[in-house]
Protein backbone atom coordinates (compact mmCIF):
# COMPACT_ATOMS: atom_id res chain seq x y z
CA MET A 1 11.65 -94.89 -120.35
CA GLU A 2 9.30 -96.48 -117.84
CA ALA A 3 9.68 -98.39 -114.59
CA LYS A 4 7.09 -100.86 -113.34
CA ALA A 5 6.23 -102.72 -110.16
CA ILE A 6 3.46 -105.25 -109.59
CA ALA A 7 2.10 -106.78 -106.37
CA LYS A 8 0.08 -109.90 -107.06
CA TYR A 9 -2.41 -111.82 -104.94
CA VAL A 10 -2.85 -109.02 -102.38
CA ARG A 11 -5.61 -109.99 -99.93
CA ILE A 12 -7.84 -106.94 -100.30
CA SER A 13 -10.79 -106.35 -102.58
CA PRO A 14 -10.13 -104.30 -105.74
CA ILE A 15 -13.22 -102.24 -104.91
CA LYS A 16 -11.35 -100.86 -101.89
CA LEU A 17 -8.15 -100.23 -103.88
CA LYS A 18 -9.52 -98.46 -106.97
CA PRO A 19 -10.44 -95.14 -105.23
CA VAL A 20 -6.92 -95.01 -103.75
CA ALA A 21 -5.38 -95.67 -107.17
CA ASP A 22 -7.45 -92.85 -108.66
CA LEU A 23 -6.02 -90.40 -106.11
CA VAL A 24 -2.41 -90.75 -107.32
CA ARG A 25 -2.80 -91.36 -111.05
CA GLY A 26 -0.92 -88.66 -113.02
CA LYS A 27 0.72 -87.08 -109.95
CA ASP A 28 4.42 -86.43 -109.32
CA LEU A 29 6.19 -89.12 -107.32
CA GLU A 30 6.67 -87.02 -104.17
CA GLU A 31 3.10 -85.73 -104.27
CA ALA A 32 1.73 -89.26 -104.78
CA LEU A 33 3.73 -90.60 -101.82
CA THR A 34 2.51 -87.73 -99.62
CA ILE A 35 -1.12 -88.36 -100.60
CA LEU A 36 -0.78 -92.09 -99.88
CA LYS A 37 0.94 -91.47 -96.55
CA PHE A 38 -1.96 -89.38 -95.23
CA THR A 39 -4.81 -91.39 -96.75
CA PRO A 40 -6.38 -93.70 -94.15
CA GLY A 41 -6.88 -97.39 -94.73
CA LYS A 42 -5.00 -100.54 -95.62
CA GLY A 43 -5.35 -99.92 -99.36
CA SER A 44 -3.23 -96.77 -99.29
CA GLU A 45 -0.42 -98.61 -97.48
CA LEU A 46 -0.37 -101.35 -100.11
CA VAL A 47 -0.41 -98.92 -103.05
CA GLU A 48 2.31 -96.84 -101.37
CA LYS A 49 4.50 -99.93 -101.08
CA VAL A 50 4.14 -100.68 -104.80
CA VAL A 51 4.83 -97.03 -105.76
CA LYS A 52 8.02 -97.07 -103.65
CA SER A 53 9.06 -100.33 -105.31
CA ALA A 54 8.52 -98.84 -108.78
CA ALA A 55 10.57 -95.78 -107.75
CA ALA A 56 13.40 -98.04 -106.58
CA ASN A 57 13.24 -99.96 -109.86
CA ALA A 58 13.44 -96.70 -111.80
CA GLU A 59 16.42 -95.44 -109.83
CA ASN A 60 18.44 -98.66 -109.64
CA ASN A 61 17.56 -100.54 -112.84
CA HIS A 62 16.91 -97.71 -115.32
CA ASN A 63 19.13 -94.92 -113.90
CA MET A 64 16.21 -92.49 -113.77
CA SER A 65 16.20 -89.46 -111.48
CA PRO A 66 13.50 -89.65 -108.75
CA ASP A 67 12.93 -85.88 -109.06
CA ASN A 68 11.58 -86.21 -112.63
CA LEU A 69 9.26 -89.18 -112.07
CA PHE A 70 5.47 -89.14 -112.19
CA VAL A 71 2.84 -91.86 -111.83
CA LYS A 72 1.89 -92.71 -115.39
CA GLU A 73 -0.35 -95.68 -114.68
CA VAL A 74 -1.91 -97.29 -111.59
CA TYR A 75 -4.31 -100.19 -111.63
CA ALA A 76 -5.93 -102.54 -109.14
CA ASN A 77 -7.23 -105.53 -111.05
CA LYS A 78 -9.18 -108.48 -109.75
CA GLY A 79 -7.19 -111.51 -108.62
CA PRO A 80 -8.45 -114.98 -107.77
CA THR A 81 -11.26 -115.31 -105.22
CA MET A 82 -11.05 -117.85 -102.41
CA LYS A 83 -14.41 -119.45 -101.68
CA ARG A 84 -15.14 -120.41 -98.09
CA TRP A 85 -18.26 -121.75 -96.39
CA ARG A 86 -19.98 -120.60 -93.23
CA ALA A 87 -22.65 -122.49 -91.35
CA GLY A 88 -26.14 -121.10 -91.79
CA SER A 89 -29.44 -121.75 -90.09
CA GLN A 90 -31.28 -125.04 -90.50
CA GLY A 91 -28.24 -126.91 -91.81
CA ARG A 92 -27.55 -124.57 -94.70
CA ALA A 93 -24.18 -123.27 -95.82
CA PHE A 94 -23.45 -119.67 -96.84
CA ARG A 95 -20.61 -118.79 -99.15
CA ILE A 96 -17.92 -116.27 -98.13
CA LEU A 97 -15.88 -114.75 -100.97
CA LYS A 98 -12.36 -113.69 -99.99
CA ARG A 99 -11.28 -111.49 -102.85
CA SER A 100 -7.72 -110.64 -103.90
CA SER A 101 -6.14 -108.04 -106.17
CA HIS A 102 -3.18 -107.37 -108.42
CA ILE A 103 -1.75 -103.84 -107.97
CA GLY A 104 0.42 -102.39 -110.74
CA VAL A 105 2.26 -99.07 -110.96
CA THR A 106 4.14 -97.55 -113.89
CA LEU A 107 6.39 -94.54 -113.41
CA ALA A 108 7.73 -92.41 -116.25
CA GLU A 109 10.02 -89.40 -116.58
CA LYS A 110 8.63 -85.97 -117.34
CA GLU A 111 9.56 -84.62 -120.76
């Protein structure tokens, strides 16, 4: 049995999220939440929120015990990019890319 949670269109680059996702992949739920709590940066807060949501889904929707859960899968995929323009010298325009991400977490019970 598995429980999932997905946060879509999160306004942070996936490049900043992927190292945080690698920290908790394969860890127990409590250990993963502790790691995310003490990891600096906005990315860890966002991943922590999705992990907590997946844990709540597991407990309430699938009747799984939170003590037996581990992080089976974590991903931070690329979402749509907003393109903005900034004034440059001599009448030029420079493009600003505002990237977004989709964060997904899958929790499973230990055998």
